[in-house]
Amino acid sequence: MLKLTCPGVPDTYQGTEIWDFSLVDPDNRRAVDYGKRQCLLEDIRRCAGFSSEQFLSYARELLQNMQDGRIKMYVTWKALTFRNETTAVFRDGDYTALKARGVPADNFVELLSVAECDPLF
């Protein structure tokens, strides 16, 4: 999700719209089953017209069947749809540092900008 929502162009490999647990360089992967992905995407796009109750049922189905990869494709589709609807944010947006406070602060990773990094690192 971070990759899809940061300003700039998201860098994703074709074929990784659903789970891909291969330990292979992406340039040397097996052929992508585009037909399967097209069918899954058509199923996901169908939910755009659902009522709240229908969507809740669909979301439960995605969660109960996480292994089939539709939930990853759904999240990717929604994030890219949002990017398309709010292009100025992603084209002209900037990063804002956020600080975690309190007890849960130890559970967060603080990302530093390049300017904040040690030049010898």
C-alpha atoms as a PDB file:
ATOM      1  CA  MET A   1       0.000   0.000   0.000  1.00  0.00           C
ATOM      2  CA  LEU A   2       2.878   2.347   0.760  1.00  0.00           C
ATOM      3  CA  LYS A   3       4.278   1.816  -2.729  1.00  0.00           C
ATOM      4  CA  LEU A   4       0.897   2.667  -4.294  1.00  0.00           C
ATOM      5  CA  THR A   5       0.174   5.774  -2.212  1.00  0.00           C
ATOM      6  CA  CYS A   6       3.485   7.659  -2.206  1.00  0.00           C
ATOM      7  CA  PRO A   7       3.867  10.573  -4.622  1.00  0.00           C
ATOM      8  CA  GLY A   8       5.390   9.601  -7.944  1.00  0.00           C
ATOM      9  CA  VAL A   9       4.854   6.610 -10.208  1.00  0.00           C
ATOM     10  CA  PRO A  10       4.214   3.335  -8.370  1.00  0.00           C
ATOM     11  CA  ASP A  11       6.699   0.646  -9.374  1.00  0.00           C
ATOM     12  CA  THR A  12       5.027  -2.765  -9.552  1.00  0.00           C
ATOM     13  CA  TYR A  13       5.826  -5.876 -11.548  1.00  0.00           C
ATOM     14  CA  GLN A  14       3.204  -7.279 -13.888  1.00  0.00           C
ATOM     15  CA  GLY A  15       1.884 -10.527 -12.527  1.00  0.00           C
ATOM     16  CA  THR A  16       2.168  -9.469  -8.891  1.00  0.00           C
ATOM     17  CA  GLU A  17      -1.415  -8.173  -8.722  1.00  0.00           C
ATOM     18  CA  ILE A  18      -2.143 -11.367  -6.763  1.00  0.00           C
ATOM     19  CA  TRP A  19       0.168 -13.245  -4.393  1.00  0.00           C
ATOM     20  CA  ASP A  20       3.494 -14.249  -5.912  1.00  0.00           C
ATOM     21  CA  PHE A  21       5.834 -15.981  -3.489  1.00  0.00           C
ATOM     22  CA  SER A  22       8.503 -16.970  -6.009  1.00  0.00           C
ATOM     23  CA  LEU A  23      12.073 -16.167  -5.064  1.00  0.00           C
ATOM     24  CA  VAL A  24      13.075 -15.244  -8.589  1.00  0.00           C
ATOM     25  CA  ASP A  25      14.341 -12.020 -10.100  1.00  0.00           C
ATOM     26  CA  PRO A  26      11.198 -10.361 -11.559  1.00  0.00           C
ATOM     27  CA  ASP A  27      12.855 -10.154 -14.987  1.00  0.00           C
ATOM     28  CA  ASN A  28      13.214 -13.940 -15.039  1.00  0.00           C
ATOM     29  CA  ARG A  29       9.786 -14.976 -13.774  1.00  0.00           C
ATOM     30  CA  ARG A  30       7.420 -17.478 -15.304  1.00  0.00           C
ATOM     31  CA  ALA A  31       4.756 -16.393 -17.773  1.00  0.00           C
ATOM     32  CA  VAL A  32       1.895 -14.369 -16.279  1.00  0.00           C
ATOM     33  CA  ASP A  33      -1.613 -15.861 -16.447  1.00  0.00           C
ATOM     34  CA  TYR A  34      -3.307 -12.725 -17.752  1.00  0.00           C
ATOM     35  CA  GLY A  35      -6.607 -14.530 -18.338  1.00  0.00           C
ATOM     36  CA  LYS A  36      -6.901 -15.393 -14.648  1.00  0.00           C
ATOM     37  CA  ARG A  37      -6.074 -11.846 -13.628  1.00  0.00           C
ATOM     38  CA  GLN A  38      -8.604 -10.424 -16.093  1.00  0.00           C
ATOM     39  CA  CYS A  39     -11.357 -12.655 -14.661  1.00  0.00           C
ATOM     40  CA  LEU A  40     -10.447 -11.652 -11.105  1.00  0.00           C
ATOM     41  CA  LEU A  41     -10.417  -7.965 -12.033  1.00  0.00           C
ATOM     42  CA  GLU A  42     -13.818  -8.226 -13.720  1.00  0.00           C
ATOM     43  CA  ASP A  43     -15.186  -9.839 -10.545  1.00  0.00           C
ATOM     44  CA  ILE A  44     -13.677  -7.061  -8.429  1.00  0.00           C
ATOM     45  CA  ARG A  45     -14.968  -4.269 -10.674  1.00  0.00           C
ATOM     46  CA  ARG A  46     -18.452  -5.740 -10.333  1.00  0.00           C
ATOM     47  CA  CYS A  47     -18.407  -4.797  -6.638  1.00  0.00           C
ATOM     48  CA  ALA A  48     -18.187  -1.073  -7.496  1.00  0.00           C
ATOM     49  CA  GLY A  49     -21.968  -1.016  -7.961  1.00  0.00           C
ATOM     50  CA  PHE A  50     -22.780  -2.936  -4.786  1.00  0.00           C
ATOM     51  CA  SER A  51     -24.929  -1.570  -2.013  1.00  0.00           C
ATOM     52  CA  SER A  52     -23.278  -1.283   1.413  1.00  0.00           C
ATOM     53  CA  GLU A  53     -24.780  -4.603   2.500  1.00  0.00           C
ATOM     54  CA  GLN A  54     -23.666  -6.386  -0.680  1.00  0.00           C
ATOM     55  CA  PHE A  55     -20.180  -4.943  -0.382  1.00  0.00           C
ATOM     56  CA  LEU A  56     -19.872  -6.034   3.249  1.00  0.00           C
ATOM     57  CA  SER A  57     -20.709  -9.573   2.193  1.00  0.00           C
ATOM     58  CA  TYR A  58     -18.172  -9.355  -0.650  1.00  0.00           C
ATOM     59  CA  ALA A  59     -15.479  -8.013   1.709  1.00  0.00           C
ATOM     60  CA  ARG A  60     -16.087 -10.943   4.065  1.00  0.00           C
ATOM     61  CA  GLU A  61     -15.718 -13.325   1.124  1.00  0.00           C
ATOM     62  CA  LEU A  62     -12.386 -11.715   0.172  1.00  0.00           C
ATOM     63  CA  LEU A  63     -11.123 -12.026   3.740  1.00  0.00           C
ATOM     64  CA  GLN A  64     -12.231 -15.647   4.027  1.00  0.00           C
ATOM     65  CA  ASN A  65     -10.473 -16.525   0.760  1.00  0.00           C
ATOM     66  CA  MET A  66      -7.275 -14.491   1.069  1.00  0.00           C
ATOM     67  CA  GLN A  67      -5.218 -17.270  -0.503  1.00  0.00           C
ATOM     68  CA  ASP A  68      -6.819 -16.730  -3.939  1.00  0.00           C
ATOM     69  CA  GLY A  69      -5.244 -13.251  -4.201  1.00  0.00           C
ATOM     70  CA  ARG A  70      -8.429 -11.293  -4.931  1.00  0.00           C
ATOM     71  CA  ILE A  71      -7.998  -9.247  -1.768  1.00  0.00           C
ATOM     72  CA  LYS A  72      -4.550  -8.044  -2.897  1.00  0.00           C
ATOM     73  CA  MET A  73      -5.889  -7.238  -6.341  1.00  0.00           C
ATOM     74  CA  TYR A  74      -8.863  -5.399  -4.779  1.00  0.00           C
ATOM     75  CA  VAL A  75      -6.587  -3.220  -2.622  1.00  0.00           C
ATOM     76  CA  THR A  76      -4.338  -2.507  -5.620  1.00  0.00           C
ATOM     77  CA  TRP A  77      -7.342  -1.648  -7.808  1.00  0.00           C
ATOM     78  CA  LYS A  78      -8.842   0.691  -5.173  1.00  0.00           C
ATOM     79  CA  ALA A  79      -5.512   2.446  -4.557  1.00  0.00           C
ATOM     80  CA  LEU A  80      -4.876   2.957  -8.278  1.00  0.00           C
ATOM     81  CA  THR A  81      -8.470   4.136  -8.785  1.00  0.00           C
ATOM     82  CA  PHE A  82      -7.958   6.673  -5.990  1.00  0.00           C
ATOM     83  CA  ARG A  83      -4.679   7.827  -7.582  1.00  0.00           C
ATOM     84  CA  ASN A  84      -6.493   8.301 -10.888  1.00  0.00           C
ATOM     85  CA  GLU A  85      -9.254  10.335  -9.229  1.00  0.00           C
ATOM     86  CA  THR A  86      -6.800  12.562  -7.316  1.00  0.00           C
ATOM     87  CA  THR A  87      -3.932  12.938  -9.784  1.00  0.00           C
ATOM     88  CA  ALA A  88      -2.778  16.337  -8.490  1.00  0.00           C
ATOM     89  CA  VAL A  89      -2.070  14.912  -5.035  1.00  0.00           C
ATOM     90  CA  PHE A  90       0.248  12.263  -6.429  1.00  0.00           C
ATOM     91  CA  ARG A  91       1.755  14.400  -9.180  1.00  0.00           C
ATOM     92  CA  ASP A  92       2.428  17.491  -7.046  1.00  0.00           C
ATOM     93  CA  GLY A  93       2.296  16.048  -3.527  1.00  0.00           C
ATOM     94  CA  ASP A  94       5.093  16.075  -1.005  1.00  0.00           C
ATOM     95  CA  TYR A  95       6.061  14.059   2.035  1.00  0.00           C
ATOM     96  CA  THR A  96       5.207  15.238   5.519  1.00  0.00           C
ATOM     97  CA  ALA A  97       7.045  13.732   8.466  1.00  0.00           C
ATOM     98  CA  LEU A  98       4.767  12.282  11.118  1.00  0.00           C
ATOM     99  CA  LYS A  99       5.945  11.440  14.619  1.00  0.00           C
ATOM    100  CA  ALA A 100       4.462   8.565  16.614  1.00  0.00           C
ATOM    101  CA  ARG A 101       3.934   9.323  20.302  1.00  0.00           C
ATOM    102  CA  GLY A 102       2.932   7.410  23.374  1.00  0.00           C
ATOM    103  CA  VAL A 103       3.202   3.709  24.218  1.00  0.00           C
ATOM    104  CA  PRO A 104       2.721   2.410  20.632  1.00  0.00           C
ATOM    105  CA  ALA A 105       5.502   4.674  19.275  1.00  0.00           C
ATOM    106  CA  ASP A 106       8.047   1.850  19.649  1.00  0.00           C
ATOM    107  CA  ASN A 107       6.042  -0.178  17.123  1.00  0.00           C
ATOM    108  CA  PHE A 108       6.519   2.314  14.267  1.00  0.00           C
ATOM    109  CA  VAL A 109       9.362   2.704  11.801  1.00  0.00           C
ATOM    110  CA  GLU A 110      10.465   6.273  11.285  1.00  0.00           C
ATOM    111  CA  LEU A 111      11.402   6.981   7.685  1.00  0.00           C
ATOM    112  CA  LEU A 112      14.108   9.555   7.125  1.00  0.00           C
ATOM    113  CA  SER A 113      14.506  11.655   4.032  1.00  0.00           C
ATOM    114  CA  VAL A 114      17.795  11.448   2.149  1.00  0.00           C
ATOM    115  CA  ALA A 115      18.762  14.881   3.490  1.00  0.00           C
ATOM    116  CA  GLU A 116      18.501  13.557   7.056  1.00  0.00           C
ATOM    117  CA  CYS A 117      20.715  10.518   6.446  1.00  0.00           C
ATOM    118  CA  ASP A 118      24.369  10.366   7.411  1.00  0.00           C
ATOM    119  CA  PRO A 119      26.372  11.134   4.230  1.00  0.00           C
ATOM    120  CA  LEU A 120      28.770   8.283   5.093  1.00  0.00           C
ATOM    121  CA  PHE A 121      25.976   5.714   5.262  1.00  0.00           C
END
